[in-house]
């Protein structure tokens, strides 16, 4: 079968402190980060996964965390050089690094550009200091502004500003003020999404008071209008970009592409060229266990069950605003389209999905009631 593009996710697990809403695999920094040692483990982890590449080059790289901007440019020079040597990077390979405004130093972005990183994603979350304090962030609005200005002048191809809404004590006016501030900074890409309370977080054990549903709806509706007026095109649930600046790494996720995952707790998804079987992988989560030379990096790997493939495909693909070629379903899952015809017919009849010109298009109603649409494929 024709394999989809292959991306690479790299996880850096350390951060200055754990935020109360965060359910990612992150660990508060205690002492110096073993940077050189961890980079070597990432390289060795990648070497153990080379059999999954199957002749492809790397389409995109996303370095997430944790706080990857705690590591130096020199660390990423070493890592990315090895990735290119072991596998190879495709032409115009997008390489994104997540950064916390509280860890940005003068010239740090320029070091990252020298390493080959061409896109930075900055976790701003809010431009109001009281909201940032409530979120447990280590930076203030001034640091967020500074980080955005650094990104503008670092020689990057693009940069993203991450902004949340529906924050503790946030009014409609607060949320729209935040969004207007971010728009004024003129990033090529904005990730704008609602705070959700996740299990096993501080907020889950001590829930803050969040805005009412009516306020959340007004924020979403008026915020989307502001973004559209400013020239940002919504291309997925929380992604808004100026034309030509969509995140290619995220697009590969949502288009059901393949990706390797290296680093603590990193996940991967790989399709077998001969059988069409899709395998998911997960690496050891804790840094101590991951860097234990006696144990393998792989925590577990499993084949996606045939009964789950349709749901996984549509769960990813229907996040996107763009139409989905109908042929992608069979080519990326190795399943016959007829197996999902009853569910597709229900979705179309309910006005959640439009089928025309060889494509599926999630309707406005379908995006509004996305969970209802996806439940048809369970």
Protein backbone atom coordinates (compact mmCIF):
# COMPACT_ATOMS: atom_id res chain seq x y z
CA UNK A 1 0.00 0.00 0.00
CA UNK A 2 1.02 3.63 -0.40
CA UNK A 3 2.19 4.82 3.00
CA UNK A 4 1.14 8.21 4.38
CA UNK A 5 3.74 10.88 5.25
CA UNK A 6 5.92 10.21 8.30
CA UNK A 7 6.38 12.81 11.04
CA UNK A 8 8.43 12.76 14.24
CA UNK A 9 7.33 13.80 17.72
CA UNK A 10 10.04 14.48 20.33
CA UNK A 11 9.08 14.80 24.00
CA UNK A 12 11.06 16.84 26.52
CA UNK A 13 9.52 16.06 29.93
CA UNK A 14 10.86 18.83 32.17
CA UNK A 15 9.27 22.15 33.06
CA UNK A 16 9.98 24.77 35.71
CA UNK A 17 6.81 23.80 37.59
CA UNK A 18 3.69 21.76 36.90
CA UNK A 19 0.64 23.85 35.94
CA UNK A 20 -2.59 22.91 37.79
CA UNK A 21 -4.52 22.27 34.55
CA UNK A 22 -1.81 20.23 32.80
CA UNK A 23 -2.31 16.51 32.18
CA UNK A 24 0.70 16.13 29.88
CA UNK A 25 3.70 14.00 30.85
CA UNK A 26 5.69 16.79 32.49
CA UNK A 27 7.88 16.90 35.57
CA UNK A 28 8.90 19.92 37.61
CA UNK A 29 12.59 20.70 37.24
CA UNK A 30 14.73 19.66 40.22
CA UNK A 31 18.31 20.70 39.76
CA UNK A 32 20.09 20.71 36.40
CA UNK A 33 18.51 18.99 33.43
CA UNK A 34 20.69 16.11 32.14
CA UNK A 35 20.63 17.65 28.67
CA UNK A 36 23.49 15.80 26.95
CA UNK A 37 22.44 12.47 28.45
CA UNK A 38 18.81 12.91 27.41
CA UNK A 39 19.71 13.88 23.84
CA UNK A 40 21.77 10.69 23.54
CA UNK A 41 18.81 8.66 24.77
CA UNK A 42 16.56 10.35 22.19
CA UNK A 43 19.03 9.40 19.46
CA UNK A 44 19.23 5.81 20.67
CA UNK A 45 15.43 5.67 20.95
CA UNK A 46 15.16 6.81 17.32
CA UNK A 47 17.68 4.17 16.23
CA UNK A 48 15.51 1.48 17.82
CA UNK A 49 12.56 2.68 15.72
CA UNK A 50 14.32 2.88 12.36
CA UNK A 51 12.62 -0.29 11.12
CA UNK A 52 9.32 1.61 11.24
CA UNK A 53 10.48 4.26 8.75
CA UNK A 54 10.04 2.01 5.67
CA UNK A 55 11.92 4.19 3.22
CA UNK A 56 10.30 7.52 4.05
CA UNK A 57 11.89 10.82 4.99
CA UNK A 58 10.65 12.91 7.90
CA UNK A 59 7.78 15.16 6.78
CA UNK A 60 7.64 17.30 9.95
CA UNK A 61 9.03 17.40 13.49
CA UNK A 62 7.32 18.67 16.63
CA UNK A 63 9.32 19.05 19.85
CA UNK A 64 6.86 19.24 22.74
CA UNK A 65 6.76 18.91 26.47
CA UNK A 66 7.10 19.86 29.22
CA UNK A 67 9.11 22.89 28.22
CA UNK A 68 11.49 22.15 25.34
CA UNK A 69 12.85 25.72 25.50
CA UNK A 70 14.67 24.72 28.71
CA UNK A 71 17.19 22.96 26.43
CA UNK A 72 19.88 24.86 24.57
CA UNK A 73 20.24 25.38 20.85
CA UNK A 74 23.33 23.18 20.95
CA UNK A 75 21.25 20.23 22.15
CA UNK A 76 18.92 20.56 19.18
CA UNK A 77 21.79 20.99 16.73
CA UNK A 78 23.05 17.59 17.86
CA UNK A 79 19.61 15.93 17.80
CA UNK A 80 18.43 17.25 14.44
CA UNK A 81 21.75 16.47 12.79
CA UNK A 82 21.31 12.84 13.87
CA UNK A 83 17.70 12.72 12.67
CA UNK A 84 18.78 13.95 9.25
CA UNK A 85 21.68 11.49 9.14
CA UNK A 86 19.64 8.47 10.27
CA UNK A 87 16.44 9.06 8.29
CA UNK A 88 16.63 12.27 6.26
CA UNK A 89 14.40 15.33 6.20
CA UNK A 90 12.00 16.04 3.37
CA UNK A 91 12.26 19.29 1.43
CA UNK A 92 10.73 22.16 3.42
CA UNK A 93 10.45 19.97 6.51
CA UNK A 94 8.56 21.90 9.20
CA UNK A 95 10.36 21.73 12.57
CA UNK A 96 8.41 23.16 15.50
CA UNK A 97 9.57 23.72 19.07
CA UNK A 98 7.28 24.61 21.97
CA UNK A 99 8.48 27.49 24.14
CA UNK A 100 7.37 28.97 27.44
CA UNK A 101 7.66 32.77 27.61
CA UNK A 102 9.13 32.39 31.10
CA UNK A 103 12.14 30.50 29.74
CA UNK A 104 12.94 32.70 26.73
CA UNK A 105 16.32 34.38 26.89
CA UNK A 106 17.87 36.92 24.52
CA UNK A 107 19.17 35.20 21.36
CA UNK A 108 17.74 31.80 22.44
CA UNK A 109 15.41 31.73 19.41
CA UNK A 110 18.32 32.50 17.10
CA UNK A 111 20.14 29.47 18.52
CA UNK A 112 17.13 27.34 17.69
CA UNK A 113 17.03 28.68 14.14
CA UNK A 114 20.70 27.77 13.78
CA UNK A 115 19.78 24.22 14.84
CA UNK A 116 17.26 24.00 12.00
CA UNK A 117 14.08 24.80 13.90
CA UNK A 118 11.89 26.95 11.64
CA UNK A 119 8.70 27.28 13.70
CA UNK A 120 8.15 28.18 17.36
CA UNK A 121 4.94 27.61 19.33
CA UNK A 122 4.73 29.93 22.35
CA UNK A 123 2.45 29.02 25.25
CA UNK A 124 1.02 32.44 26.08
CA UNK A 125 -2.37 31.16 27.47
CA UNK A 126 -3.47 34.66 28.59
CA UNK A 127 -2.31 38.26 28.43
CA UNK A 128 -3.70 39.14 31.87
CA UNK A 129 -1.47 38.61 34.89
CA UNK A 130 -4.25 37.59 37.28
CA UNK A 131 -5.39 34.87 34.86
CA UNK A 132 -1.81 33.67 34.36
CA UNK A 133 -1.37 33.42 38.12
CA UNK A 134 -4.59 31.40 38.40
CA UNK A 135 -3.23 29.03 35.72
CA UNK A 136 0.05 28.58 37.60
CA UNK A 137 2.11 30.04 34.75
CA UNK A 138 5.62 31.28 35.54
CA UNK A 139 5.45 34.20 33.11
CA UNK A 140 3.57 37.47 32.95
CA UNK A 141 2.09 39.46 30.09
CA UNK A 142 5.35 41.39 29.56
CA UNK A 143 7.30 38.15 29.05
CA UNK A 144 4.66 36.95 26.59
CA UNK A 145 4.96 40.15 24.57
CA UNK A 146 8.75 39.85 24.65
CA UNK A 147 8.69 36.24 23.46
CA UNK A 148 6.39 37.12 20.56
CA UNK A 149 8.68 39.96 19.50
CA UNK A 150 11.71 37.65 19.70
CA UNK A 151 9.93 35.14 17.48
CA UNK A 152 9.12 37.83 14.90
CA UNK A 153 12.76 38.76 14.44
CA UNK A 154 14.47 35.38 14.82
CA UNK A 155 14.36 34.39 11.13
CA UNK A 156 11.68 31.72 11.55
CA UNK A 157 9.35 30.61 8.77
CA UNK A 158 6.41 30.89 11.15
CA UNK A 159 5.42 31.05 14.79
CA UNK A 160 2.31 30.22 16.78
CA UNK A 161 0.81 31.81 19.87
CA UNK A 162 -1.18 29.49 22.14
CA UNK A 163 -4.15 31.14 23.88
CA UNK A 164 -6.81 29.63 26.13
CA UNK A 165 -10.27 30.90 26.98
CA UNK A 166 -12.89 29.87 29.52
CA UNK A 167 -10.38 30.58 32.30
CA UNK A 168 -11.19 30.83 36.03
CA UNK A 169 -13.06 34.07 36.65
CA UNK A 170 -12.86 35.10 32.99
CA UNK A 171 -15.59 37.32 31.54
CA UNK A 172 -16.53 37.69 27.89
CA UNK A 173 -14.72 41.04 27.87
CA UNK A 174 -11.58 39.48 29.38
CA UNK A 175 -11.48 36.70 26.80
CA UNK A 176 -12.00 39.02 23.83
CA UNK A 177 -9.39 41.45 25.19
CA UNK A 178 -6.87 38.58 25.33
CA UNK A 179 -7.69 37.57 21.77
CA UNK A 180 -7.45 41.15 20.45
CA UNK A 181 -4.03 41.47 22.10
CA UNK A 182 -2.81 38.27 20.44
CA UNK A 183 -4.18 39.33 17.05
CA UNK A 184 -2.37 42.68 17.39
CA UNK A 185 0.93 40.78 17.73
CA UNK A 186 0.21 39.43 14.23
CA UNK A 187 1.46 35.84 14.50
CA UNK A 188 1.05 33.71 11.36
CA UNK A 189 -0.77 31.07 13.45
CA UNK A 190 -2.98 31.15 16.54
CA UNK A 191 -4.07 28.14 18.59
CA UNK A 192 -7.18 29.24 20.51
CA UNK A 193 -9.01 26.73 22.64
CA UNK A 194 -11.15 26.34 25.74
CA UNK A 195 -9.68 25.28 29.08
CA UNK A 196 -10.98 21.86 30.08
CA UNK A 197 -10.60 20.20 33.47
CA UNK A 198 -8.72 16.94 32.96
CA UNK A 199 -8.53 13.99 35.39
CA UNK A 200 -5.45 13.66 37.59
CA UNK A 201 -4.70 17.39 37.64
CA UNK A 202 -4.74 19.90 40.49
CA UNK A 203 -7.79 21.55 38.94
CA UNK A 204 -9.60 18.19 38.97
CA UNK A 205 -9.10 17.81 42.73
CA UNK A 206 -9.83 21.48 43.48
CA UNK A 207 -12.00 22.73 40.58
CA UNK A 208 -11.91 26.48 39.96
CA UNK A 209 -15.02 28.47 39.10
CA UNK A 210 -15.26 28.59 35.32
CA UNK A 211 -17.52 30.74 33.10
CA UNK A 212 -21.10 29.64 32.51
CA UNK A 213 -22.00 27.81 29.29
CA UNK A 214 -23.75 30.89 27.90
CA UNK A 215 -20.60 32.98 28.38
CA UNK A 216 -18.45 30.25 26.83
CA UNK A 217 -20.70 30.18 23.78
CA UNK A 218 -20.51 33.99 23.41
CA UNK A 219 -16.71 33.86 23.72
CA UNK A 220 -16.48 31.20 21.02
CA UNK A 221 -18.86 32.91 18.62
CA UNK A 222 -17.50 36.45 18.98
CA UNK A 223 -13.90 35.28 19.11
CA UNK A 224 -14.20 33.36 15.86
CA UNK A 225 -15.66 36.49 14.24
CA UNK A 226 -12.66 38.55 15.44
CA UNK A 227 -10.20 36.01 14.05
CA UNK A 228 -11.98 35.88 10.68
CA UNK A 229 -12.02 39.68 10.43
CA UNK A 230 -8.26 39.70 11.09
CA UNK A 231 -7.61 37.27 8.21
CA UNK A 232 -7.18 34.07 10.20
CA UNK A 233 -8.74 31.00 8.62
CA UNK A 234 -9.96 28.23 10.91
CA UNK A 235 -8.63 24.96 9.52
CA UNK A 236 -9.26 22.70 12.52
CA UNK A 237 -11.08 22.84 15.84
CA UNK A 238 -8.52 25.06 17.61
CA UNK A 239 -6.22 26.07 14.74
CA UNK A 240 -6.39 29.46 12.99
CA UNK A 241 -3.80 30.53 10.44
CA UNK A 242 -3.02 33.17 7.88
CA UNK A 243 -3.15 31.62 4.37
CA UNK A 244 -0.27 29.20 3.86
CA UNK A 245 0.68 29.00 7.55
CA UNK A 246 -1.26 25.96 8.76
CA UNK A 247 0.77 23.68 11.04
CA UNK A 248 1.91 20.86 8.75
CA UNK A 249 2.69 18.56 11.67
CA UNK A 250 -0.81 18.81 13.07
CA UNK A 251 -2.31 18.42 9.61
CA UNK A 252 -0.45 15.11 9.28
CA UNK A 253 -1.94 13.95 12.59
CA UNK A 254 -5.48 14.88 11.61
CA UNK A 255 -5.12 13.45 8.09
CA UNK A 256 -4.28 10.11 9.72
CA UNK A 257 -0.63 10.21 8.73
CA UNK A 258 2.13 8.25 10.49
CA UNK A 259 4.50 9.52 13.15
CA UNK A 260 7.31 8.19 15.29
CA UNK A 261 7.37 9.22 18.94
CA UNK A 262 10.65 9.43 20.88
CA UNK A 263 11.24 10.63 24.42
CA UNK A 264 9.48 10.09 27.75
CA UNK A 265 5.90 8.90 27.22
CA UNK A 266 5.93 9.77 23.51
CA UNK A 267 3.27 8.11 21.36
CA UNK A 268 3.63 6.94 17.77
CA UNK A 269 1.45 5.58 14.96
CA UNK A 270 2.88 3.58 12.07
CA UNK A 271 1.30 1.73 9.14
CA UNK A 272 2.87 -1.49 7.83
CA UNK A 273 3.44 -1.22 4.08
CA UNK A 274 2.90 -4.94 3.45
CA UNK A 275 -0.12 -5.70 5.62
CA UNK A 276 -1.75 -2.31 6.16
CA UNK A 277 -1.83 -3.02 9.90
CA UNK A 278 -1.64 0.13 12.02
CA UNK A 279 0.47 -0.08 15.17
CA UNK A 280 0.52 2.44 18.00
CA UNK A 281 3.49 2.80 20.34
CA UNK A 282 4.15 4.38 23.74
CA UNK A 283 7.53 4.98 25.34
CA UNK A 284 8.45 4.76 29.05
CA UNK A 285 6.97 7.84 30.79
CA UNK A 286 9.22 8.76 33.70
CA UNK A 287 12.67 10.23 32.95
CA UNK A 288 14.42 7.88 35.38
CA UNK A 289 12.86 4.81 33.80
CA UNK A 290 13.38 6.14 30.27
CA UNK A 291 17.08 6.75 30.87
CA UNK A 292 17.65 3.38 32.54
CA UNK A 293 20.17 1.74 30.23
CA UNK A 294 19.02 -1.76 31.21
CA UNK A 295 15.39 -1.29 30.11
CA UNK A 296 14.02 -0.72 26.58
CA UNK A 297 12.54 2.66 25.66
CA UNK A 298 9.36 1.00 24.40
CA UNK A 299 6.72 0.74 27.13
CA UNK A 300 4.06 -0.88 24.96
CA UNK A 301 2.96 -1.32 21.37
CA UNK A 302 -0.36 -2.58 20.07
CA UNK A 303 -2.16 -3.14 16.80
CA UNK A 304 -5.28 -1.04 16.30
CA UNK A 305 -8.24 -3.40 16.25
CA UNK A 306 -10.20 -3.55 13.00
CA UNK A 307 -13.36 -2.54 14.87
CA UNK A 308 -11.64 0.64 16.10
CA UNK A 309 -10.07 1.80 12.85
CA UNK A 310 -13.07 3.67 11.46
CA UNK A 311 -13.60 5.63 14.67
CA UNK A 312 -9.91 6.51 14.90
CA UNK A 313 -9.84 7.67 11.29
CA UNK A 314 -12.95 9.84 11.55
CA UNK A 315 -12.04 11.14 15.03
CA UNK A 316 -8.88 12.60 13.51
CA UNK A 317 -10.07 13.54 10.03
CA UNK A 318 -13.27 15.27 11.05
CA UNK A 319 -11.38 17.75 13.26
CA UNK A 320 -10.41 19.48 10.03
CA UNK A 321 -12.47 22.04 8.17
CA UNK A 322 -11.13 20.94 4.78
CA UNK A 323 -13.07 18.30 2.78
CA UNK A 324 -11.89 14.71 3.15
CA UNK A 325 -11.39 12.67 -0.04
CA UNK A 326 -13.61 9.60 0.31
CA UNK A 327 -10.84 7.39 -1.07
CA UNK A 328 -8.64 8.27 1.93
CA UNK A 329 -10.72 6.05 4.19
CA UNK A 330 -9.89 2.80 2.43
CA UNK A 331 -6.35 3.79 1.45
CA UNK A 332 -5.39 4.71 5.04
CA UNK A 333 -7.33 2.05 6.96
CA UNK A 334 -7.36 -0.88 4.46
CA UNK A 335 -11.08 -1.25 5.21
CA UNK A 336 -13.89 -1.34 2.64
CA UNK A 337 -16.04 1.77 2.55
CA UNK A 338 -19.16 -0.38 2.65
CA UNK A 339 -18.40 -1.28 6.26
CA UNK A 340 -19.27 2.29 7.30
CA UNK A 341 -22.04 3.05 4.83
CA UNK A 342 -24.87 2.80 7.39
CA UNK A 343 -23.16 5.23 9.78
CA UNK A 344 -22.31 7.62 6.94
CA UNK A 345 -25.90 7.61 5.74
CA UNK A 346 -27.12 8.45 9.26
CA UNK A 347 -24.61 11.32 9.48
CA UNK A 348 -25.69 12.71 6.12
CA UNK A 349 -29.40 12.40 6.92
CA UNK A 350 -28.85 14.15 10.27
CA UNK A 351 -27.21 17.09 8.52
CA UNK A 352 -23.88 16.47 10.24
CA UNK A 353 -22.01 15.51 7.08
CA UNK A 354 -22.16 16.50 3.42
CA UNK A 355 -21.04 14.14 0.65
CA UNK A 356 -20.36 15.56 -2.81
CA UNK A 357 -17.74 15.52 -5.56
CA UNK A 358 -15.94 12.53 -4.07
CA UNK A 359 -15.47 14.20 -0.68
CA UNK A 360 -16.96 14.32 2.78
CA UNK A 361 -17.39 17.74 4.36
CA UNK A 362 -18.33 18.17 8.01
CA UNK A 363 -21.19 20.67 8.11
CA UNK A 364 -21.41 23.66 10.45
CA UNK A 365 -23.85 21.62 12.50
CA UNK A 366 -21.44 18.67 12.42
CA UNK A 367 -18.60 20.71 13.88
CA UNK A 368 -20.92 22.09 16.54
CA UNK A 369 -22.05 18.57 17.50
CA UNK A 370 -18.85 16.73 16.65
CA UNK A 371 -19.21 14.18 19.45
CA UNK A 372 -22.63 13.19 18.11
CA UNK A 373 -21.12 12.72 14.65
CA UNK A 374 -18.23 10.59 15.92
CA UNK A 375 -20.46 8.38 18.07
CA UNK A 376 -22.03 7.05 14.88
CA UNK A 377 -18.75 5.30 14.08
CA UNK A 378 -18.15 3.68 17.50
